[in-house]
PDB file of N, CA and C in Angstrom:
ATOM      1  N   MET A   1     120.118 104.736 156.488  1.00  0.00           N
ATOM      2  CA  MET A   1     120.907 105.867 156.064  1.00  0.00           C
ATOM      3  C   MET A   1     121.017 106.901 157.181  1.00  0.00           C
ATOM      4  N   VAL A   2     120.053 106.930 158.028  1.00  0.00           N
ATOM      5  CA  VAL A   2     120.032 107.888 159.137  1.00  0.00           C
ATOM      6  C   VAL A   2     120.076 107.079 160.429  1.00  0.00           C
ATOM      7  N   SER A   3     120.814 107.593 161.371  1.00  0.00           N
ATOM      8  CA  SER A   3     120.918 106.863 162.646  1.00  0.00           C
ATOM      9  C   SER A   3     119.581 106.902 163.383  1.00  0.00           C
ATOM     10  N   LEU A   4     119.449 106.010 164.349  1.00  0.00           N
ATOM     11  CA  LEU A   4     118.178 105.809 165.016  1.00  0.00           C
ATOM     12  C   LEU A   4     117.720 107.020 165.814  1.00  0.00           C
ATOM     13  N   GLY A   5     118.552 107.773 166.384  1.00  0.00           N
ATOM     14  CA  GLY A   5     118.148 108.902 167.224  1.00  0.00           C
ATOM     15  C   GLY A   5     118.184 110.225 166.494  1.00  0.00           C
ATOM     16  N   SER A   6     118.344 110.259 165.194  1.00  0.00           N
ATOM     17  CA  SER A   6     118.462 111.498 164.427  1.00  0.00           C
ATOM     18  C   SER A   6     117.111 112.221 164.355  1.00  0.00           C
ATOM     19  N   PRO A   7     117.142 113.563 164.436  1.00  0.00           N
ATOM     20  CA  PRO A   7     115.896 114.318 164.336  1.00  0.00           C
ATOM     21  C   PRO A   7     115.303 114.315 162.911  1.00  0.00           C
ATOM     22  N   ILE A   8     116.096 113.961 161.952  1.00  0.00           N
ATOM     23  CA  ILE A   8     115.630 113.942 160.559  1.00  0.00           C
ATOM     24  C   ILE A   8     114.854 112.654 160.265  1.00  0.00           C
ATOM     25  N   LEU A   9     115.017 111.636 161.132  1.00  0.00           N
ATOM     26  CA  LEU A   9     114.414 110.335 160.886  1.00  0.00           C
ATOM     27  C   LEU A   9     112.899 110.417 160.754  1.00  0.00           C
ATOM     28  N   GLU A  10     112.253 111.141 161.635  1.00  0.00           N
ATOM     29  CA  GLU A  10     110.794 111.251 161.580  1.00  0.00           C
ATOM     30  C   GLU A  10     110.349 111.992 160.317  1.00  0.00           C
ATOM     31  N   PHE A  11     111.070 113.019 159.947  1.00  0.00           N
ATOM     32  CA  PHE A  11     110.746 113.768 158.723  1.00  0.00           C
ATOM     33  C   PHE A  11     110.884 112.867 157.485  1.00  0.00           C
ATOM     34  N   LEU A  12     111.983 112.095 157.410  1.00  0.00           N
ATOM     35  CA  LEU A  12     112.192 111.201 156.278  1.00  0.00           C
ATOM     36  C   LEU A  12     111.138 110.091 156.242  1.00  0.00           C
ATOM     37  N   ASN A  13     110.778 109.559 157.404  1.00  0.00           N
ATOM     38  CA  ASN A  13     109.740 108.538 157.450  1.00  0.00           C
ATOM     39  C   ASN A  13     108.406 109.100 156.953  1.00  0.00           C
ATOM     40  N   ASP A  14     108.111 110.354 157.337  1.00  0.00           N
ATOM     41  CA  ASP A  14     106.874 110.991 156.908  1.00  0.00           C
ATOM     42  C   ASP A  14     106.867 111.223 155.388  1.00  0.00           C
ATOM     43  N   VAL A  15     107.988 111.706 154.854  1.00  0.00           N
ATOM     44  CA  VAL A  15     108.097 111.941 153.405  1.00  0.00           C
ATOM     45  C   VAL A  15     107.998 110.622 152.651  1.00  0.00           C
ATOM     46  N   MET A  16     108.681 109.600 153.120  1.00  0.00           N
ATOM     47  CA  MET A  16     108.624 108.286 152.468  1.00  0.00           C
ATOM     48  C   MET A  16     107.213 107.712 152.527  1.00  0.00           C
ATOM     49  N   GLY A  17     106.523 107.921 153.627  1.00  0.00           N
ATOM     50  CA  GLY A  17     105.141 107.455 153.736  1.00  0.00           C
ATOM     51  C   GLY A  17     104.237 108.145 152.730  1.00  0.00           C
ATOM     52  N   HIS A  18     104.407 109.458 152.587  1.00  0.00           N
ATOM     53  CA  HIS A  18     103.593 110.184 151.598  1.00  0.00           C
ATOM     54  C   HIS A  18     103.909 109.745 150.168  1.00  0.00           C
ATOM     55  N   ILE A  19     105.160 109.499 149.894  1.00  0.00           N
ATOM     56  CA  ILE A  19     105.546 109.065 148.556  1.00  0.00           C
ATOM     57  C   ILE A  19     104.951 107.696 148.248  1.00  0.00           C
ATOM     58  N   ILE A  20     105.001 106.799 149.200  1.00  0.00           N
ATOM     59  CA  ILE A  20     104.473 105.457 148.983  1.00  0.00           C
ATOM     60  C   ILE A  20     102.948 105.482 148.904  1.00  0.00           C
ATOM     61  N   GLU A  21     102.299 106.252 149.801  1.00  0.00           N
ATOM     62  CA  GLU A  21     100.840 106.311 149.776  1.00  0.00           C
ATOM     63  C   GLU A  21     100.323 107.017 148.517  1.00  0.00           C
ATOM     64  N   GLY A  22     101.020 108.007 148.076  1.00  0.00           N
ATOM     65  CA  GLY A  22     100.584 108.754 146.902  1.00  0.00           C
ATOM     66  C   GLY A  22     101.001 108.121 145.594  1.00  0.00           C
ATOM     67  N   LYS A  23     101.745 107.050 145.655  1.00  0.00           N
ATOM     68  CA  LYS A  23     102.228 106.338 144.474  1.00  0.00           C
ATOM     69  C   LYS A  23     102.982 107.272 143.527  1.00  0.00           C
ATOM     70  N   ILE A  24     103.695 108.200 144.093  1.00  0.00           N
ATOM     71  CA  ILE A  24     104.445 109.154 143.284  1.00  0.00           C
ATOM     72  C   ILE A  24     105.570 108.453 142.546  1.00  0.00           C
ATOM     73  N   LYS A  25     106.235 107.519 143.210  1.00  0.00           N
ATOM     74  CA  LYS A  25     107.339 106.827 142.558  1.00  0.00           C
ATOM     75  C   LYS A  25     106.835 106.003 141.378  1.00  0.00           C
ATOM     76  N   ILE A  26     105.714 105.338 141.537  1.00  0.00           N
ATOM     77  CA  ILE A  26     105.157 104.542 140.446  1.00  0.00           C
ATOM     78  C   ILE A  26     104.736 105.446 139.297  1.00  0.00           C
ATOM     79  N   GLU A  27     104.121 106.583 139.650  1.00  0.00           N
ATOM     80  CA  GLU A  27     103.690 107.521 138.615  1.00  0.00           C
ATOM     81  C   GLU A  27     104.893 108.092 137.856  1.00  0.00           C
ATOM     82  N   LEU A  28     105.953 108.401 138.566  1.00  0.00           N
ATOM     83  CA  LEU A  28     107.156 108.917 137.899  1.00  0.00           C
ATOM     84  C   LEU A  28     107.782 107.862 136.994  1.00  0.00           C
ATOM     85  N   SER A  29     107.783 106.609 137.430  1.00  0.00           N
ATOM     86  CA  SER A  29     108.353 105.564 136.579  1.00  0.00           C
ATOM     87  C   SER A  29     107.493 105.355 135.338  1.00  0.00           C
ATOM     88  N   TYR A  30     106.141 105.413 135.499  1.00  0.00           N
ATOM     89  CA  TYR A  30     105.271 105.310 134.328  1.00  0.00           C
ATOM     90  C   TYR A  30     105.471 106.484 133.378  1.00  0.00           C
ATOM     91  N   ARG A  31     105.650 107.679 133.944  1.00  0.00           N
ATOM     92  CA  ARG A  31     105.879 108.854 133.117  1.00  0.00           C
ATOM     93  C   ARG A  31     107.193 108.730 132.355  1.00  0.00           C
ATOM     94  N   ASP A  32     108.218 108.210 133.013  1.00  0.00           N
ATOM     95  CA  ASP A  32     109.494 108.003 132.329  1.00  0.00           C
ATOM     96  C   ASP A  32     109.358 106.970 131.215  1.00  0.00           C
ATOM     97  N   LEU A  33     108.615 105.890 131.486  1.00  0.00           N
ATOM     98  CA  LEU A  33     108.399 104.889 130.443  1.00  0.00           C
ATOM     99  C   LEU A  33     107.599 105.475 129.281  1.00  0.00           C
ATOM    100  N   TYR A  34     106.590 106.291 129.580  1.00  0.00           N
ATOM    101  CA  TYR A  34     105.782 106.907 128.528  1.00  0.00           C
ATOM    102  C   TYR A  34     106.640 107.854 127.689  1.00  0.00           C
ATOM    103  N   ASN A  35     107.485 108.646 128.341  1.00  0.00           N
ATOM    104  CA  ASN A  35     108.381 109.546 127.591  1.00  0.00           C
ATOM    105  C   ASN A  35     109.366 108.764 126.735  1.00  0.00           C
ATOM    106  N   ALA A  36     109.855 107.637 127.264  1.00  0.00           N
ATOM    107  CA  ALA A  36     110.767 106.803 126.471  1.00  0.00           C
ATOM    108  C   ALA A  36     110.055 106.233 125.261  1.00  0.00           C
ATOM    109  N   LYS A  37     108.803 105.819 125.430  1.00  0.00           N
ATOM    110  CA  LYS A  37     108.041 105.310 124.291  1.00  0.00           C
ATOM    111  C   LYS A  37     107.828 106.398 123.243  1.00  0.00           C
ATOM    112  N   ILE A  38     107.490 107.589 123.692  1.00  0.00           N
ATOM    113  CA  ILE A  38     107.261 108.708 122.768  1.00  0.00           C
ATOM    114  C   ILE A  38     108.548 109.031 122.011  1.00  0.00           C
ATOM    115  N   ASN A  39     109.659 109.099 122.722  1.00  0.00           N
ATOM    116  CA  ASN A  39     110.927 109.416 122.065  1.00  0.00           C
ATOM    117  C   ASN A  39     111.316 108.326 121.070  1.00  0.00           C
ATOM    118  N   PHE A  40     111.112 107.077 121.435  1.00  0.00           N
ATOM    119  CA  PHE A  40     111.441 105.983 120.525  1.00  0.00           C
ATOM    120  C   PHE A  40     110.533 106.008 119.304  1.00  0.00           C
ATOM    121  N   LYS A  41     109.259 106.339 119.526  1.00  0.00           N
ATOM    122  CA  LYS A  41     108.299 106.370 118.428  1.00  0.00           C
ATOM    123  C   LYS A  41     108.677 107.447 117.419  1.00  0.00           C
ATOM    124  N   TYR A  42     109.107 108.597 117.884  1.00  0.00           N
ATOM    125  CA  TYR A  42     109.443 109.671 116.954  1.00  0.00           C
ATOM    126  C   TYR A  42     110.799 109.484 116.296  1.00  0.00           C
ATOM    127  N   LYS A  43     111.654 108.707 116.907  1.00  0.00           N
ATOM    128  CA  LYS A  43     112.977 108.492 116.310  1.00  0.00           C
ATOM    129  C   LYS A  43     112.977 107.327 115.328  1.00  0.00           C
ATOM    130  N   SER A  44     112.007 106.430 115.437  1.00  0.00           N
ATOM    131  CA  SER A  44     111.982 105.290 114.531  1.00  0.00           C
ATOM    132  C   SER A  44     111.288 105.687 113.233  1.00  0.00           C
ATOM    133  N   PRO A  45     111.808 105.240 112.102  1.00  0.00           N
ATOM    134  CA  PRO A  45     111.180 105.597 110.823  1.00  0.00           C
ATOM    135  C   PRO A  45     109.879 104.826 110.622  1.00  0.00           C
ATOM    136  N   THR A  46     108.897 105.510 110.110  1.00  0.00           N
ATOM    137  CA  THR A  46     107.607 104.892 109.817  1.00  0.00           C
ATOM    138  C   THR A  46     107.237 105.199 108.380  1.00  0.00           C
ATOM    139  N   PHE A  47     106.185 104.551 107.907  1.00  0.00           N
ATOM    140  CA  PHE A  47     105.735 104.789 106.548  1.00  0.00           C
ATOM    141  C   PHE A  47     105.062 106.143 106.408  1.00  0.00           C
ATOM    142  N   THR A  48     104.577 106.696 107.511  1.00  0.00           N
ATOM    143  CA  THR A  48     103.939 108.001 107.426  1.00  0.00           C
ATOM    144  C   THR A  48     104.963 109.121 107.281  1.00  0.00           C
ATOM    145  N   ASP A  49     106.214 108.852 107.657  1.00  0.00           N
ATOM    146  CA  ASP A  49     107.248 109.872 107.545  1.00  0.00           C
ATOM    147  C   ASP A  49     107.864 109.932 106.157  1.00  0.00           C
ATOM    148  N   THR A  50     107.674 108.899 105.370  1.00  0.00           N
ATOM    149  CA  THR A  50     108.313 108.836 104.062  1.00  0.00           C
ATOM    150  C   THR A  50     107.292 109.105 102.978  1.00  0.00           C
ATOM    151  N   TYR A  51     107.721 109.808 101.955  1.00  0.00           N
ATOM    152  CA  TYR A  51     106.861 110.125 100.826  1.00  0.00           C
ATOM    153  C   TYR A  51     107.452 109.525  99.565  1.00  0.00           C
ATOM    154  N   TYR A  52     106.597 109.026  98.707  1.00  0.00           N
ATOM    155  CA  TYR A  52     107.030 108.438  97.452  1.00  0.00           C
ATOM    156  C   TYR A  52     106.310 109.139  96.311  1.00  0.00           C
ATOM    157  N   ALA A  53     107.030 109.356  95.235  1.00  0.00           N
ATOM    158  CA  ALA A  53     106.423 109.894  94.031  1.00  0.00           C
ATOM    159  C   ALA A  53     105.893 108.721  93.221  1.00  0.00           C
ATOM    160  N   ILE A  54     104.574 108.606  93.153  1.00  0.00           N
ATOM    161  CA  ILE A  54     103.963 107.500  92.421  1.00  0.00           C
ATOM    162  C   ILE A  54     103.819 107.922  90.967  1.00  0.00           C
ATOM    163  N   ASN A  55     104.344 107.104  90.073  1.00  0.00           N
ATOM    164  CA  ASN A  55     104.235 107.396  88.649  1.00  0.00           C
ATOM    165  C   ASN A  55     103.647 106.188  87.929  1.00  0.00           C
ATOM    166  N   ILE A  56     103.675 106.211  86.609  1.00  0.00           N
ATOM    167  CA  ILE A  56     103.046 105.169  85.801  1.00  0.00           C
ATOM    168  C   ILE A  56     103.686 103.802  86.042  1.00  0.00           C
ATOM    169  N   SER A  57     104.972 103.754  86.282  1.00  0.00           N
ATOM    170  CA  SER A  57     105.619 102.451  86.480  1.00  0.00           C
ATOM    171  C   SER A  57     105.112 101.761  87.752  1.00  0.00           C
ATOM    172  N   HIS A  58     104.710 102.521  88.767  1.00  0.00           N
ATOM    173  CA  HIS A  58     104.151 101.915  89.967  1.00  0.00           C
ATOM    174  C   HIS A  58     102.739 101.386  89.719  1.00  0.00           C
ATOM    175  N   LEU A  59     102.014 102.012  88.815  1.00  0.00           N
ATOM    176  CA  LEU A  59     100.624 101.633  88.560  1.00  0.00           C
ATOM    177  C   LEU A  59     100.466 100.763  87.323  1.00  0.00           C
ATOM    178  N   GLN A  60     101.541 100.208  86.823  1.00  0.00           N
ATOM    179  CA  GLN A  60     101.512  99.448  85.580  1.00  0.00           C
ATOM    180  C   GLN A  60     100.608  98.219  85.692  1.00  0.00           C
ATOM    181  N   THR A  61     100.679  97.486  86.780  1.00  0.00           N
ATOM    182  CA  THR A  61      99.860  96.296  86.968  1.00  0.00           C
ATOM    183  C   THR A  61      98.377  96.650  86.996  1.00  0.00           C
ATOM    184  N   GLU A  62      98.036  97.734  87.680  1.00  0.00           N
ATOM    185  CA  GLU A  62      96.639  98.142  87.750  1.00  0.00           C
ATOM    186  C   GLU A  62      96.109  98.528  86.377  1.00  0.00           C
ATOM    187  N   PHE A  63      96.928  99.203  85.561  1.00  0.00           N
ATOM    188  CA  PHE A  63      96.495  99.559  84.220  1.00  0.00           C
ATOM    189  C   PHE A  63      96.296  98.318  83.349  1.00  0.00           C
ATOM    190  N   TYR A  64      97.158  97.321  83.494  1.00  0.00           N
ATOM    191  CA  TYR A  64      96.992  96.077  82.747  1.00  0.00           C
ATOM    192  C   TYR A  64      95.703  95.363  83.154  1.00  0.00           C
ATOM    193  N   LEU A  65      95.417  95.304  84.441  1.00  0.00           N
ATOM    194  CA  LEU A  65      94.173  94.676  84.904  1.00  0.00           C
ATOM    195  C   LEU A  65      92.948  95.440  84.422  1.00  0.00           C
ATOM    196  N   LEU A  66      93.023  96.766  84.431  1.00  0.00           N
ATOM    197  CA  LEU A  66      91.915  97.574  83.940  1.00  0.00           C
ATOM    198  C   LEU A  66      91.697  97.348  82.454  1.00  0.00           C
ATOM    199  N   PHE A  67      92.775  97.286  81.699  1.00  0.00           N
ATOM    200  CA  PHE A  67      92.676  97.040  80.259  1.00  0.00           C
ATOM    201  C   PHE A  67      92.103  95.655  79.987  1.00  0.00           C
ATOM    202  N   LEU A  68      92.518  94.655  80.752  1.00  0.00           N
ATOM    203  CA  LEU A  68      91.985  93.303  80.609  1.00  0.00           C
ATOM    204  C   LEU A  68      90.485  93.281  80.883  1.00  0.00           C
ATOM    205  N   GLY A  69      90.034  94.012  81.866  1.00  0.00           N
ATOM    206  CA  GLY A  69      88.605  94.100  82.165  1.00  0.00           C
ATOM    207  C   GLY A  69      87.830  94.746  81.030  1.00  0.00           C
ATOM    208  N   TYR A  70      88.396  95.809  80.438  1.00  0.00           N
ATOM    209  CA  TYR A  70      87.733  96.453  79.302  1.00  0.00           C
ATOM    210  C   TYR A  70      87.645  95.506  78.106  1.00  0.00           C
ATOM    211  N   VAL A  71      88.698  94.778  77.842  1.00  0.00           N
ATOM    212  CA  VAL A  71      88.699  93.837  76.712  1.00  0.00           C
ATOM    213  C   VAL A  71      87.660  92.748  76.946  1.00  0.00           C
ATOM    214  N   MET A  72      87.603  92.219  78.163  1.00  0.00           N
ATOM    215  CA  MET A  72      86.629  91.170  78.458  1.00  0.00           C
ATOM    216  C   MET A  72      85.198  91.693  78.345  1.00  0.00           C
ATOM    217  N   SER A  73      84.942  92.910  78.767  1.00  0.00           N
ATOM    218  CA  SER A  73      83.591  93.452  78.662  1.00  0.00           C
ATOM    219  C   SER A  73      83.200  93.691  77.209  1.00  0.00           C
ATOM    220  N   VAL A  74      84.121  94.142  76.377  1.00  0.00           N
ATOM    221  CA  VAL A  74      83.822  94.330  74.951  1.00  0.00           C
ATOM    222  C   VAL A  74      83.555  92.987  74.289  1.00  0.00           C
ATOM    223  N   VAL A  75      84.336  91.971  74.599  1.00  0.00           N
ATOM    224  CA  VAL A  75      84.126  90.629  74.037  1.00  0.00           C
ATOM    225  C   VAL A  75      82.761  90.096  74.449  1.00  0.00           C
ATOM    226  N   CYS A  76      82.387  90.263  75.718  1.00  0.00           N
ATOM    227  CA  CYS A  76      81.069  89.799  76.177  1.00  0.00           C
ATOM    228  C   CYS A  76      79.950  90.557  75.467  1.00  0.00           C
ATOM    229  N   PHE A  77      80.113  91.868  75.286  1.00  0.00           N
ATOM    230  CA  PHE A  77      79.091  92.664  74.620  1.00  0.00           C
ATOM    231  C   PHE A  77      78.914  92.233  73.171  1.00  0.00           C
ATOM    232  N   VAL A  78      80.018  92.045  72.461  1.00  0.00           N
ATOM    233  CA  VAL A  78      79.943  91.619  71.052  1.00  0.00           C
ATOM    234  C   VAL A  78      79.356  90.216  70.959  1.00  0.00           C
ATOM    235  N   SER A  79      79.733  89.325  71.849  1.00  0.00           N
ATOM    236  CA  SER A  79      79.186  87.964  71.809  1.00  0.00           C
ATOM    237  C   SER A  79      77.687  87.972  72.101  1.00  0.00           C
ATOM    238  N   GLU A  80      77.202  88.849  72.973  1.00  0.00           N
ATOM    239  CA  GLU A  80      75.764  88.948  73.219  1.00  0.00           C
ATOM    240  C   GLU A  80      75.029  89.446  71.975  1.00  0.00           C
ATOM    241  N   ILE A  81      75.608  90.413  71.280  1.00  0.00           N
ATOM    242  CA  ILE A  81      74.984  90.917  70.056  1.00  0.00           C
ATOM    243  C   ILE A  81      74.923  89.810  69.008  1.00  0.00           C
ATOM    244  N   ILE A  82      76.013  89.099  68.822  1.00  0.00           N
ATOM    245  CA  ILE A  82      76.040  88.014  67.837  1.00  0.00           C
ATOM    246  C   ILE A  82      75.062  86.917  68.229  1.00  0.00           C
ATOM    247  N   TRP A  83      75.029  86.552  69.497  1.00  0.00           N
ATOM    248  CA  TRP A  83      74.112  85.524  69.974  1.00  0.00           C
ATOM    249  C   TRP A  83      72.660  85.945  69.736  1.00  0.00           C
ATOM    250  N   HIS A  84      72.367  87.199  69.983  1.00  0.00           N
ATOM    251  CA  HIS A  84      71.007  87.693  69.789  1.00  0.00           C
ATOM    252  C   HIS A  84      70.622  87.652  68.302  1.00  0.00           C
ATOM    253  N   ARG A  85      71.524  88.021  67.438  1.00  0.00           N
ATOM    254  CA  ARG A  85      71.250  87.992  65.993  1.00  0.00           C
ATOM    255  C   ARG A  85      70.988  86.570  65.508  1.00  0.00           C
ATOM    256  N   PHE A  86      71.833  85.617  65.948  1.00  0.00           N
ATOM    257  CA  PHE A  86      71.647  84.230  65.527  1.00  0.00           C
ATOM    258  C   PHE A  86      70.367  83.640  66.109  1.00  0.00           C
ATOM    259  N   SER A  87      70.017  84.036  67.320  1.00  0.00           N
ATOM    260  CA  SER A  87      68.789  83.503  67.908  1.00  0.00           C
ATOM    261  C   SER A  87      67.563  84.060  67.201  1.00  0.00           C
ATOM    262  N   LEU A  88      67.628  85.292  66.673  1.00  0.00           N
ATOM    263  CA  LEU A  88      66.512  85.852  65.903  1.00  0.00           C
ATOM    264  C   LEU A  88      66.368  85.156  64.560  1.00  0.00           C
ATOM    265  N   LYS A  89      67.476  84.811  63.916  1.00  0.00           N
ATOM    266  CA  LYS A  89      67.407  84.125  62.620  1.00  0.00           C
ATOM    267  C   LYS A  89      66.842  82.725  62.787  1.00  0.00           C
ATOM    268  N   GLY A  90      67.130  82.084  63.889  1.00  0.00           N
ATOM    269  CA  GLY A  90      66.626  80.722  64.113  1.00  0.00           C
ATOM    270  C   GLY A  90      65.118  80.721  64.307  1.00  0.00           C
ATOM    271  N   ASN A  91      64.540  81.757  64.892  1.00  0.00           N
ATOM    272  CA  ASN A  91      63.098  81.825  65.122  1.00  0.00           C
ATOM    273  C   ASN A  91      62.358  82.486  63.971  1.00  0.00           C
ATOM    274  N   GLU A  92      63.078  83.062  63.051  1.00  0.00           N
ATOM    275  CA  GLU A  92      62.553  83.757  61.876  1.00  0.00           C
ATOM    276  C   GLU A  92      61.593  84.876  62.277  1.00  0.00           C
ATOM    277  N   ARG A  93      62.000  85.655  63.201  1.00  0.00           N
ATOM    278  CA  ARG A  93      61.214  86.825  63.589  1.00  0.00           C
ATOM    279  C   ARG A  93      61.492  87.948  62.619  1.00  0.00           C
ATOM    280  N   LYS A  94      60.552  88.806  62.430  1.00  0.00           N
ATOM    281  CA  LYS A  94      60.723  89.918  61.514  1.00  0.00           C
ATOM    282  C   LYS A  94      61.272  91.152  62.217  1.00  0.00           C
ATOM    283  N   VAL A  95      61.337  91.147  63.516  1.00  0.00           N
ATOM    284  CA  VAL A  95      61.836  92.302  64.264  1.00  0.00           C
ATOM    285  C   VAL A  95      63.351  92.177  64.394  1.00  0.00           C
ATOM    286  N   ALA A  96      64.067  93.195  63.992  1.00  0.00           N
ATOM    287  CA  ALA A  96      65.517  93.198  64.105  1.00  0.00           C
ATOM    288  C   ALA A  96      65.951  94.425  64.901  1.00  0.00           C
ATOM    289  N   LEU A  97      66.967  94.236  65.710  1.00  0.00           N
ATOM    290  CA  LEU A  97      67.452  95.362  66.520  1.00  0.00           C
ATOM    291  C   LEU A  97      68.285  96.322  65.692  1.00  0.00           C
ATOM    292  N   PHE A  98      69.095  95.816  64.779  1.00  0.00           N
ATOM    293  CA  PHE A  98      70.013  96.708  64.060  1.00  0.00           C
ATOM    294  C   PHE A  98      69.767  96.653  62.582  1.00  0.00           C
TER     295      PHE A  98
END
């Protein structure tokens, strides 16, 4: 870009040497890439940016599973009581729980 005998040639060579040795160009390109990533990240929609109103219809499955668990626990409890009563009658013990 500069002719061979130009007085600016030595100055440009010195500046180019400092830029290459200091890795300024690489650092600037990394900074540009980092800024592009940041800008893309903020412009793209994420789940953290959106809010949903959770109501009963969203939790319907969980309530059904919870109710099923309660029913199963009550059935197990009643069956244990009945089993205990029948096992006491078979041994003819005089001690009764209820």
